[in-house]
Amino acid sequence: MELSLIDDRKLLITIVEKGLGSKVIEVSKTCGCEGGTIIPGQGTSGKSASSFWGLTFDPERDVVFSLIEKDKVRTVMDTISENLDLNEPNKGISFIVNVQAAAGISHLINH
């Protein structure tokens, strides 16, 4: 397996309510991103799928991974945050991770 050393990309991870992962991808594409990967997740905030004052809490989440050019990643994160109200309590989280190498992305690197 051939790994590509990369220093021009960052990994943006966004965790949102189940069903909103596709909106994260849609918003990121408006900023020039090619896409991302959505995987199911489960929150561990202590609120299980139960009832509280007649409201049901569902801990299921969408986790979105997007490999983004480092000069675009902050704009993408800010745009996602604004469009999905991530600065409001319990709406989600988005964070950036450094990436040293990756496989399967030669079509992105050889441009």
C-alpha atoms as a PDB file:
ATOM      1  CA  MET A   1       0.000   0.000   0.000  1.00  0.00           C
ATOM      2  CA  GLU A   2       1.427   3.334  -1.028  1.00  0.00           C
ATOM      3  CA  LEU A   3       1.041   6.150   1.483  1.00  0.00           C
ATOM      4  CA  SER A   4       1.141   9.742   0.401  1.00  0.00           C
ATOM      5  CA  LEU A   5       2.819  12.135   2.784  1.00  0.00           C
ATOM      6  CA  ILE A   6       0.613  15.164   2.973  1.00  0.00           C
ATOM      7  CA  ASP A   7       1.137  18.519   4.584  1.00  0.00           C
ATOM      8  CA  ASP A   8      -1.491  20.484   2.693  1.00  0.00           C
ATOM      9  CA  ARG A   9      -4.586  18.735   4.137  1.00  0.00           C
ATOM     10  CA  LYS A  10      -6.359  18.639   7.477  1.00  0.00           C
ATOM     11  CA  LEU A  11      -9.052  16.291   8.708  1.00  0.00           C
ATOM     12  CA  LEU A  12     -12.251  18.035   9.743  1.00  0.00           C
ATOM     13  CA  ILE A  13     -14.422  15.912  12.015  1.00  0.00           C
ATOM     14  CA  THR A  14     -17.969  17.075  12.662  1.00  0.00           C
ATOM     15  CA  ILE A  15     -20.385  15.292  14.982  1.00  0.00           C
ATOM     16  CA  VAL A  16     -24.052  16.224  14.669  1.00  0.00           C
ATOM     17  CA  GLU A  17     -27.514  14.868  15.350  1.00  0.00           C
ATOM     18  CA  LYS A  18     -28.427  11.749  13.373  1.00  0.00           C
ATOM     19  CA  GLY A  19     -29.674  12.729   9.918  1.00  0.00           C
ATOM     20  CA  LEU A  20     -27.714  15.991   9.677  1.00  0.00           C
ATOM     21  CA  GLY A  21     -24.507  14.475   8.279  1.00  0.00           C
ATOM     22  CA  SER A  22     -25.700  14.995   4.719  1.00  0.00           C
ATOM     23  CA  LYS A  23     -26.281  18.680   5.486  1.00  0.00           C
ATOM     24  CA  VAL A  24     -22.684  18.929   6.754  1.00  0.00           C
ATOM     25  CA  ILE A  25     -21.469  17.499   3.421  1.00  0.00           C
ATOM     26  CA  GLU A  26     -23.782  19.801   1.444  1.00  0.00           C
ATOM     27  CA  VAL A  27     -22.535  22.893   3.303  1.00  0.00           C
ATOM     28  CA  SER A  28     -18.880  21.879   2.959  1.00  0.00           C
ATOM     29  CA  LYS A  29     -19.300  21.458  -0.808  1.00  0.00           C
ATOM     30  CA  THR A  30     -20.399  25.112  -1.050  1.00  0.00           C
ATOM     31  CA  CYS A  31     -16.897  25.947   0.210  1.00  0.00           C
ATOM     32  CA  GLY A  32     -15.173  23.894  -2.483  1.00  0.00           C
ATOM     33  CA  CYS A  33     -14.801  20.539  -0.723  1.00  0.00           C
ATOM     34  CA  GLU A  34     -15.162  17.350  -2.729  1.00  0.00           C
ATOM     35  CA  GLY A  35     -17.191  15.511  -0.088  1.00  0.00           C
ATOM     36  CA  GLY A  36     -16.732  13.453   3.018  1.00  0.00           C
ATOM     37  CA  THR A  37     -17.662  10.267   4.801  1.00  0.00           C
ATOM     38  CA  ILE A  38     -20.589   9.896   7.194  1.00  0.00           C
ATOM     39  CA  ILE A  39     -20.539   7.141   9.779  1.00  0.00           C
ATOM     40  CA  PRO A  40     -23.078   6.454  12.518  1.00  0.00           C
ATOM     41  CA  GLY A  41     -22.077   7.232  16.075  1.00  0.00           C
ATOM     42  CA  GLN A  42     -23.537   7.269  19.527  1.00  0.00           C
ATOM     43  CA  GLY A  43     -23.199  10.000  22.107  1.00  0.00           C
ATOM     44  CA  THR A  44     -22.165   9.259  25.665  1.00  0.00           C
ATOM     45  CA  SER A  45     -23.437  12.389  27.392  1.00  0.00           C
ATOM     46  CA  GLY A  46     -25.340  10.252  29.874  1.00  0.00           C
ATOM     47  CA  LYS A  47     -28.691  10.885  28.221  1.00  0.00           C
ATOM     48  CA  SER A  48     -29.820   7.587  26.791  1.00  0.00           C
ATOM     49  CA  ALA A  49     -32.823   7.153  24.542  1.00  0.00           C
ATOM     50  CA  SER A  50     -35.286   7.872  27.303  1.00  0.00           C
ATOM     51  CA  SER A  51     -38.065  10.212  28.201  1.00  0.00           C
ATOM     52  CA  PHE A  52     -37.688  13.358  30.278  1.00  0.00           C
ATOM     53  CA  TRP A  53     -40.759  15.532  30.778  1.00  0.00           C
ATOM     54  CA  GLY A  54     -42.321  13.807  27.808  1.00  0.00           C
ATOM     55  CA  LEU A  55     -39.379  14.537  25.473  1.00  0.00           C
ATOM     56  CA  THR A  56     -37.348  11.681  24.003  1.00  0.00           C
ATOM     57  CA  PHE A  57     -33.578  12.015  23.791  1.00  0.00           C
ATOM     58  CA  ASP A  58     -31.833  10.043  21.076  1.00  0.00           C
ATOM     59  CA  PRO A  59     -28.057   9.720  21.547  1.00  0.00           C
ATOM     60  CA  GLU A  60     -27.449   8.648  17.924  1.00  0.00           C
ATOM     61  CA  ARG A  61     -25.149  10.914  15.922  1.00  0.00           C
ATOM     62  CA  ASP A  62     -23.655  11.311  12.470  1.00  0.00           C
ATOM     63  CA  VAL A  63     -19.863  11.594  12.423  1.00  0.00           C
ATOM     64  CA  VAL A  64     -18.558  13.299   9.278  1.00  0.00           C
ATOM     65  CA  PHE A  65     -14.925  13.013   8.156  1.00  0.00           C
ATOM     66  CA  SER A  66     -13.678  15.430   5.487  1.00  0.00           C
ATOM     67  CA  LEU A  67     -10.083  15.709   4.251  1.00  0.00           C
ATOM     68  CA  ILE A  68      -9.728  19.369   3.324  1.00  0.00           C
ATOM     69  CA  GLU A  69      -6.997  21.621   1.995  1.00  0.00           C
ATOM     70  CA  LYS A  70      -5.468  23.392   4.985  1.00  0.00           C
ATOM     71  CA  ASP A  71      -6.123  26.857   3.559  1.00  0.00           C
ATOM     72  CA  LYS A  72      -9.866  26.062   3.288  1.00  0.00           C
ATOM     73  CA  VAL A  73     -10.461  24.033   6.448  1.00  0.00           C
ATOM     74  CA  ARG A  74     -11.146  26.965   8.801  1.00  0.00           C
ATOM     75  CA  THR A  75     -13.624  28.521   6.357  1.00  0.00           C
ATOM     76  CA  VAL A  76     -15.383  25.179   5.962  1.00  0.00           C
ATOM     77  CA  MET A  77     -15.574  24.655   9.730  1.00  0.00           C
ATOM     78  CA  ASP A  78     -16.914  28.172  10.301  1.00  0.00           C
ATOM     79  CA  THR A  79     -19.518  27.747   7.533  1.00  0.00           C
ATOM     80  CA  ILE A  80     -20.680  24.394   8.939  1.00  0.00           C
ATOM     81  CA  SER A  81     -20.821  25.864  12.434  1.00  0.00           C
ATOM     82  CA  GLU A  82     -22.918  28.791  11.247  1.00  0.00           C
ATOM     83  CA  ASN A  83     -25.304  26.722   9.107  1.00  0.00           C
ATOM     84  CA  LEU A  84     -25.862  24.003  11.718  1.00  0.00           C
ATOM     85  CA  ASP A  85     -25.856  26.323  14.767  1.00  0.00           C
ATOM     86  CA  LEU A  86     -22.947  24.464  16.391  1.00  0.00           C
ATOM     87  CA  ASN A  87     -22.370  27.337  18.822  1.00  0.00           C
ATOM     88  CA  GLU A  88     -25.728  26.534  20.426  1.00  0.00           C
ATOM     89  CA  PRO A  89     -25.758  23.957  23.247  1.00  0.00           C
ATOM     90  CA  ASN A  90     -26.176  20.304  22.214  1.00  0.00           C
ATOM     91  CA  LYS A  91     -26.106  21.005  18.462  1.00  0.00           C
ATOM     92  CA  GLY A  92     -22.805  19.288  17.721  1.00  0.00           C
ATOM     93  CA  ILE A  93     -19.058  19.714  17.586  1.00  0.00           C
ATOM     94  CA  SER A  94     -16.502  20.243  14.849  1.00  0.00           C
ATOM     95  CA  PHE A  95     -12.728  20.034  15.165  1.00  0.00           C
ATOM     96  CA  ILE A  96      -9.593  19.886  13.027  1.00  0.00           C
ATOM     97  CA  VAL A  97      -6.969  17.119  13.177  1.00  0.00           C
ATOM     98  CA  ASN A  98      -3.506  17.155  11.602  1.00  0.00           C
ATOM     99  CA  VAL A  99      -2.853  14.425   9.016  1.00  0.00           C
ATOM    100  CA  GLN A 100       0.626  13.134   8.236  1.00  0.00           C
ATOM    101  CA  ALA A 101      -0.085  10.532   5.551  1.00  0.00           C
ATOM    102  CA  ALA A 102      -2.985   8.907   3.748  1.00  0.00           C
ATOM    103  CA  ALA A 103      -3.669   6.187   1.198  1.00  0.00           C
ATOM    104  CA  GLY A 104      -6.302   6.286  -1.519  1.00  0.00           C
ATOM    105  CA  ILE A 105      -6.186  10.016  -2.168  1.00  0.00           C
ATOM    106  CA  SER A 106      -3.705  10.255  -5.030  1.00  0.00           C
ATOM    107  CA  HIS A 107      -6.426  11.843  -7.177  1.00  0.00           C
ATOM    108  CA  LEU A 108      -6.474  14.750  -4.711  1.00  0.00           C
ATOM    109  CA  ILE A 109      -2.725  15.147  -4.358  1.00  0.00           C
ATOM    110  CA  ASN A 110      -1.654  14.896  -7.993  1.00  0.00           C
ATOM    111  CA  HIS A 111      -3.528  18.015  -9.141  1.00  0.00           C
END
